Amino acid sequence: MCFKPSFNEGHLICTFTGKLNANCISKIEDEVFRNTERADIVVFDLSKVDYISSQFLRMCLIVAKDKKMNNFSIINVGKEASKVFKISGLYELLKINKKRYQK
């Protein structure tokens, strides 16, 4: 599986691994949404991600909208994933950070 949730005091850190292509996202999307509904703050950790697809970008937007943008961030974004976020115009819209999450 390419998704592992971790809860800590209302914070949810979703650690993703591998290639987040359409096949992977279709398998985990419902579980991701179920977990994010229970959290006040959601963080997507991409430290172990090799590839992100438009399906993953869509999922990010849905979660960010649900969390009112201020309570959603993406951390440990690698060079290739950063390019995808920038090309799509989401790098500035979403909280993209190349560093670790600090509570």
Protein backbone atom coordinates (compact mmCIF):
# COMPACT_ATOMS: atom_id res chain seq x y z
CA MET A 1 0.00 0.00 0.00
CA CYS A 2 1.23 3.50 -0.78
CA PHE A 3 -0.40 5.25 2.19
CA LYS A 4 0.11 5.13 5.97
CA PRO A 5 -1.88 7.39 8.35
CA SER A 6 -0.53 8.50 11.71
CA PHE A 7 -2.62 10.47 14.25
CA ASN A 8 -1.19 12.68 17.00
CA GLU A 9 -3.36 15.10 19.01
CA GLY A 10 -5.75 15.98 16.18
CA HIS A 11 -2.96 16.09 13.61
CA LEU A 12 -2.97 13.53 10.83
CA ILE A 13 0.25 12.83 8.98
CA CYS A 14 -0.32 10.82 5.81
CA THR A 15 2.92 9.24 4.66
CA PHE A 16 2.84 8.23 1.02
CA THR A 17 5.31 5.93 -0.74
CA GLY A 18 6.19 4.96 -4.27
CA LYS A 19 4.34 6.09 -7.35
CA LEU A 20 1.11 7.95 -6.69
CA ASN A 21 -0.42 7.14 -10.04
CA ALA A 22 -4.12 6.79 -10.87
CA ASN A 23 -4.12 3.09 -9.96
CA CYS A 24 -2.66 3.71 -6.50
CA ILE A 25 -4.88 6.73 -5.77
CA SER A 26 -8.06 4.89 -6.78
CA LYS A 27 -7.21 2.19 -4.21
CA ILE A 28 -6.46 4.54 -1.28
CA GLU A 29 -8.59 7.63 -1.92
CA ASP A 30 -11.59 6.56 0.19
CA GLU A 31 -9.36 5.61 3.12
CA VAL A 32 -7.47 8.91 2.88
CA PHE A 33 -10.74 10.86 2.93
CA ARG A 34 -12.07 8.84 5.90
CA ASN A 35 -8.92 9.62 7.86
CA THR A 36 -8.78 13.30 6.96
CA GLU A 37 -12.38 13.79 8.11
CA ARG A 38 -11.32 12.89 11.66
CA ALA A 39 -8.38 15.32 11.84
CA ASP A 40 -8.15 19.02 12.59
CA ILE A 41 -4.84 19.41 10.73
CA VAL A 42 -3.70 17.26 7.82
CA VAL A 43 -0.14 16.89 6.55
CA PHE A 44 0.84 14.88 3.46
CA ASP A 45 4.44 13.61 3.72
CA LEU A 46 5.95 12.90 0.29
CA SER A 47 9.47 11.98 1.44
CA LYS A 48 9.21 8.49 -0.08
CA VAL A 49 7.30 9.40 -3.24
CA ASP A 50 8.75 8.84 -6.71
CA TYR A 51 5.91 10.14 -8.86
CA ILE A 52 2.64 12.07 -8.51
CA SER A 53 -0.24 12.04 -10.96
CA SER A 54 -3.12 14.41 -11.60
CA GLN A 55 -5.29 12.10 -9.48
CA PHE A 56 -3.07 12.86 -6.50
CA LEU A 57 -3.28 16.60 -7.22
CA ARG A 58 -7.07 16.28 -7.27
CA MET A 59 -7.02 14.49 -3.92
CA CYS A 60 -4.81 17.25 -2.46
CA LEU A 61 -7.25 19.91 -3.62
CA ILE A 62 -10.25 18.10 -2.14
CA VAL A 63 -8.55 17.72 1.24
CA ALA A 64 -7.27 21.31 1.21
CA LYS A 65 -10.75 22.63 0.44
CA ASP A 66 -12.28 20.47 3.18
CA LYS A 67 -9.68 21.69 5.71
CA LYS A 68 -10.11 25.35 4.68
CA MET A 69 -6.58 25.47 3.20
CA ASN A 70 -4.98 26.72 6.44
CA ASN A 71 -5.06 23.29 8.08
CA PHE A 72 -3.51 21.34 5.21
CA SER A 73 0.13 21.17 4.13
CA ILE A 74 2.45 19.02 2.07
CA ILE A 75 5.98 18.34 3.30
CA ASN A 76 9.19 16.70 2.10
CA VAL A 77 8.39 17.42 -1.52
CA GLY A 78 11.11 16.22 -3.85
CA LYS A 79 12.42 17.94 -6.94
CA GLU A 80 10.22 16.12 -9.47
CA ALA A 81 7.05 16.46 -7.41
CA SER A 82 7.80 20.17 -6.92
CA LYS A 83 7.91 20.58 -10.68
CA VAL A 84 4.48 18.98 -11.03
CA PHE A 85 3.00 21.26 -8.37
CA LYS A 86 4.59 24.33 -10.01
CA ILE A 87 3.49 23.43 -13.54
CA SER A 88 -0.07 22.83 -12.33
CA GLY A 89 -0.11 26.18 -10.54
CA LEU A 90 -0.69 24.54 -7.16
CA TYR A 91 2.71 25.20 -5.61
CA GLU A 92 1.67 28.63 -4.34
CA LEU A 93 -1.96 27.72 -3.66
CA LEU A 94 -1.19 24.72 -1.45
CA LYS A 95 1.29 24.86 1.41
CA ILE A 96 4.22 23.05 -0.20
CA ASN A 97 7.29 22.63 1.96
CA LYS A 98 10.51 20.80 1.20
CA LYS A 99 11.23 20.41 4.92
CA ARG A 100 9.93 18.22 7.73
CA TYR A 101 6.72 19.02 9.57
CA GLN A 102 7.02 20.95 12.84
CA LYS A 103 4.01 20.90 15.13
